[in-house]
Amino acid sequence: MKRETSPVEARSGAVSGRIFLVLVSSFVGAVIALGLCWAFLLPH
């Protein structure tokens, strides 16, 4: 039996998806910033 998702459940799912998206984007930004600092600060 598949139950219809209520608006509250759909909203919480959208919020969790948005939080996940923010976490992933911030993680990618941190990795890029670390890579740039590593490339610029370390002597080649």
PDB file of N, CA and C in Angstrom:
ATOM      1  N   MET A   1       0.847  -1.202   0.000  1.00  0.00           N
ATOM      2  CA  MET A   1       0.000   0.000   0.000  1.00  0.00           C
ATOM      3  C   MET A   1       0.884   1.255   0.000  1.00  0.00           C
ATOM      4  N   LYS A   2       0.799   2.002  -1.080  1.00  0.00           N
ATOM      5  CA  LYS A   2       1.596   3.226  -1.148  1.00  0.00           C
ATOM      6  C   LYS A   2       0.731   4.397  -0.695  1.00  0.00           C
ATOM      7  N   ARG A   3       1.256   5.094   0.305  1.00  0.00           N
ATOM      8  CA  ARG A   3       0.498   6.199   0.885  1.00  0.00           C
ATOM      9  C   ARG A   3       0.928   7.512   0.253  1.00  0.00           C
ATOM     10  N   GLU A   4      -0.040   8.406   0.039  1.00  0.00           N
ATOM     11  CA  GLU A   4       0.293   9.720  -0.507  1.00  0.00           C
ATOM     12  C   GLU A   4       1.081  10.530   0.518  1.00  0.00           C
ATOM     13  N   THR A   5       2.109  11.206   0.069  1.00  0.00           N
ATOM     14  CA  THR A   5       2.900  12.019   0.994  1.00  0.00           C
ATOM     15  C   THR A   5       2.146  13.299   1.315  1.00  0.00           C
ATOM     16  N   SER A   6       2.129  13.638   2.579  1.00  0.00           N
ATOM     17  CA  SER A   6       1.442  14.854   2.990  1.00  0.00           C
ATOM     18  C   SER A   6       2.294  16.074   2.644  1.00  0.00           C
ATOM     19  N   PRO A   7       1.720  17.253   2.568  1.00  0.00           N
ATOM     20  CA  PRO A   7       2.499  18.467   2.258  1.00  0.00           C
ATOM     21  C   PRO A   7       3.634  18.707   3.258  1.00  0.00           C
ATOM     22  N   VAL A   8       3.406  18.346   4.504  1.00  0.00           N
ATOM     23  CA  VAL A   8       4.447  18.551   5.521  1.00  0.00           C
ATOM     24  C   VAL A   8       5.642  17.657   5.213  1.00  0.00           C
ATOM     25  N   GLU A   9       5.371  16.397   4.842  1.00  0.00           N
ATOM     26  CA  GLU A   9       6.464  15.483   4.507  1.00  0.00           C
ATOM     27  C   GLU A   9       7.197  15.951   3.258  1.00  0.00           C
ATOM     28  N   ALA A  10       6.450  16.426   2.264  1.00  0.00           N
ATOM     29  CA  ALA A  10       7.080  16.908   1.040  1.00  0.00           C
ATOM     30  C   ALA A  10       7.946  18.127   1.341  1.00  0.00           C
ATOM     31  N   ARG A  11       7.452  19.006   2.219  1.00  0.00           N
ATOM     32  CA  ARG A  11       8.214  20.206   2.556  1.00  0.00           C
ATOM     33  C   ARG A  11       9.488  19.829   3.311  1.00  0.00           C
ATOM     34  N   SER A  12       9.379  18.892   4.249  1.00  0.00           N
ATOM     35  CA  SER A  12      10.570  18.480   4.994  1.00  0.00           C
ATOM     36  C   SER A  12      11.567  17.812   4.060  1.00  0.00           C
ATOM     37  N   GLY A  13      11.086  17.068   3.072  1.00  0.00           N
ATOM     38  CA  GLY A  13      11.986  16.461   2.105  1.00  0.00           C
ATOM     39  C   GLY A  13      12.694  17.513   1.274  1.00  0.00           C
ATOM     40  N   ALA A  14      11.976  18.570   0.877  1.00  0.00           N
ATOM     41  CA  ALA A  14      12.594  19.644   0.100  1.00  0.00           C
ATOM     42  C   ALA A  14      13.630  20.368   0.945  1.00  0.00           C
ATOM     43  N   VAL A  15      13.319  20.590   2.224  1.00  0.00           N
ATOM     44  CA  VAL A  15      14.256  21.291   3.103  1.00  0.00           C
ATOM     45  C   VAL A  15      15.509  20.455   3.307  1.00  0.00           C
ATOM     46  N   SER A  16      15.349  19.151   3.525  1.00  0.00           N
ATOM     47  CA  SER A  16      16.520  18.299   3.722  1.00  0.00           C
ATOM     48  C   SER A  16      17.344  18.229   2.445  1.00  0.00           C
ATOM     49  N   GLY A  17      16.695  18.210   1.281  1.00  0.00           N
ATOM     50  CA  GLY A  17      17.418  18.211   0.027  1.00  0.00           C
ATOM     51  C   GLY A  17      18.201  19.497  -0.160  1.00  0.00           C
ATOM     52  N   ARG A  18      17.590  20.623   0.231  1.00  0.00           N
ATOM     53  CA  ARG A  18      18.282  21.905   0.111  1.00  0.00           C
ATOM     54  C   ARG A  18      19.478  21.955   1.057  1.00  0.00           C
ATOM     55  N   ILE A  19      19.311  21.440   2.279  1.00  0.00           N
ATOM     56  CA  ILE A  19      20.422  21.403   3.237  1.00  0.00           C
ATOM     57  C   ILE A  19      21.537  20.528   2.701  1.00  0.00           C
ATOM     58  N   PHE A  20      21.178  19.382   2.112  1.00  0.00           N
ATOM     59  CA  PHE A  20      22.177  18.490   1.527  1.00  0.00           C
ATOM     60  C   PHE A  20      22.923  19.196   0.394  1.00  0.00           C
ATOM     61  N   LEU A  21      22.186  19.946  -0.422  1.00  0.00           N
ATOM     62  CA  LEU A  21      22.800  20.670  -1.527  1.00  0.00           C
ATOM     63  C   LEU A  21      23.771  21.722  -1.005  1.00  0.00           C
ATOM     64  N   VAL A  22      23.385  22.431   0.075  1.00  0.00           N
ATOM     65  CA  VAL A  22      24.264  23.448   0.661  1.00  0.00           C
ATOM     66  C   VAL A  22      25.515  22.802   1.235  1.00  0.00           C
ATOM     67  N   LEU A  23      25.354  21.646   1.898  1.00  0.00           N
ATOM     68  CA  LEU A  23      26.509  20.955   2.465  1.00  0.00           C
ATOM     69  C   LEU A  23      27.473  20.517   1.367  1.00  0.00           C
ATOM     70  N   VAL A  24      26.933  19.947   0.299  1.00  0.00           N
ATOM     71  CA  VAL A  24      27.797  19.474  -0.791  1.00  0.00           C
ATOM     72  C   VAL A  24      28.510  20.653  -1.451  1.00  0.00           C
ATOM     73  N   SER A  25      27.787  21.742  -1.700  1.00  0.00           N
ATOM     74  CA  SER A  25      28.406  22.884  -2.377  1.00  0.00           C
ATOM     75  C   SER A  25      29.472  23.530  -1.493  1.00  0.00           C
ATOM     76  N   SER A  26      29.223  23.606  -0.182  1.00  0.00           N
ATOM     77  CA  SER A  26      30.221  24.181   0.715  1.00  0.00           C
ATOM     78  C   SER A  26      31.440  23.269   0.808  1.00  0.00           C
ATOM     79  N   PHE A  27      31.224  21.947   0.787  1.00  0.00           N
ATOM     80  CA  PHE A  27      32.345  21.009   0.817  1.00  0.00           C
ATOM     81  C   PHE A  27      33.199  21.152  -0.438  1.00  0.00           C
ATOM     82  N   VAL A  28      32.529  21.264  -1.591  1.00  0.00           N
ATOM     83  CA  VAL A  28      33.264  21.437  -2.856  1.00  0.00           C
ATOM     84  C   VAL A  28      34.025  22.762  -2.838  1.00  0.00           C
ATOM     85  N   GLY A  29      33.400  23.816  -2.326  1.00  0.00           N
ATOM     86  CA  GLY A  29      34.082  25.106  -2.245  1.00  0.00           C
ATOM     87  C   GLY A  29      35.292  25.046  -1.330  1.00  0.00           C
ATOM     88  N   ALA A  30      35.186  24.323  -0.213  1.00  0.00           N
ATOM     89  CA  ALA A  30      36.317  24.185   0.706  1.00  0.00           C
ATOM     90  C   ALA A  30      37.456  23.420   0.040  1.00  0.00           C
ATOM     91  N   VAL A  31      37.112  22.361  -0.712  1.00  0.00           N
ATOM     92  CA  VAL A  31      38.148  21.579  -1.402  1.00  0.00           C
ATOM     93  C   VAL A  31      38.854  22.439  -2.449  1.00  0.00           C
ATOM     94  N   ILE A  32      38.090  23.238  -3.187  1.00  0.00           N
ATOM     95  CA  ILE A  32      38.688  24.104  -4.208  1.00  0.00           C
ATOM     96  C   ILE A  32      39.574  25.157  -3.543  1.00  0.00           C
ATOM     97  N   ALA A  33      39.110  25.736  -2.435  1.00  0.00           N
ATOM     98  CA  ALA A  33      39.911  26.748  -1.741  1.00  0.00           C
ATOM     99  C   ALA A  33      41.204  26.139  -1.208  1.00  0.00           C
ATOM    100  N   LEU A  34      41.112  24.926  -0.654  1.00  0.00           N
ATOM    101  CA  LEU A  34      42.325  24.256  -0.173  1.00  0.00           C
ATOM    102  C   LEU A  34      43.282  23.988  -1.323  1.00  0.00           C
ATOM    103  N   GLY A  35      42.753  23.533  -2.451  1.00  0.00           N
ATOM    104  CA  GLY A  35      43.603  23.269  -3.604  1.00  0.00           C
ATOM    105  C   GLY A  35      44.290  24.532  -4.103  1.00  0.00           C
ATOM    106  N   LEU A  36      43.552  25.657  -4.134  1.00  0.00           N
ATOM    107  CA  LEU A  36      44.153  26.914  -4.587  1.00  0.00           C
ATOM    108  C   LEU A  36      45.218  27.384  -3.611  1.00  0.00           C
ATOM    109  N   CYS A  37      44.945  27.301  -2.304  1.00  0.00           N
ATOM    110  CA  CYS A  37      45.943  27.701  -1.310  1.00  0.00           C
ATOM    111  C   CYS A  37      47.181  26.815  -1.419  1.00  0.00           C
ATOM    112  N   TRP A  38      46.953  25.516  -1.599  1.00  0.00           N
ATOM    113  CA  TRP A  38      48.068  24.572  -1.719  1.00  0.00           C
ATOM    114  C   TRP A  38      48.891  24.879  -2.972  1.00  0.00           C
ATOM    115  N   ALA A  39      48.214  25.233  -4.061  1.00  0.00           N
ATOM    116  CA  ALA A  39      48.924  25.500  -5.314  1.00  0.00           C
ATOM    117  C   ALA A  39      49.708  26.813  -5.228  1.00  0.00           C
ATOM    118  N   PHE A  40      49.110  27.818  -4.559  1.00  0.00           N
ATOM    119  CA  PHE A  40      49.749  29.130  -4.546  1.00  0.00           C
ATOM    120  C   PHE A  40      50.800  29.258  -3.458  1.00  0.00           C
ATOM    121  N   LEU A  41      50.586  28.634  -2.281  1.00  0.00           N
ATOM    122  CA  LEU A  41      51.483  28.855  -1.155  1.00  0.00           C
ATOM    123  C   LEU A  41      52.705  27.947  -1.190  1.00  0.00           C
ATOM    124  N   LEU A  42      52.538  26.734  -1.693  1.00  0.00           N
ATOM    125  CA  LEU A  42      53.688  25.835  -1.716  1.00  0.00           C
ATOM    126  C   LEU A  42      54.631  26.198  -2.854  1.00  0.00           C
ATOM    127  N   PRO A  43      55.921  26.228  -2.593  1.00  0.00           N
ATOM    128  CA  PRO A  43      56.872  26.497  -3.671  1.00  0.00           C
ATOM    129  C   PRO A  43      56.915  25.316  -4.641  1.00  0.00           C
ATOM    130  N   HIS A  44      56.924  25.625  -5.910  1.00  0.00           N
ATOM    131  CA  HIS A  44      56.936  24.563  -6.923  1.00  0.00           C
ATOM    132  C   HIS A  44      58.359  24.065  -7.146  1.00  0.00           C
TER     133      HIS A  44
END
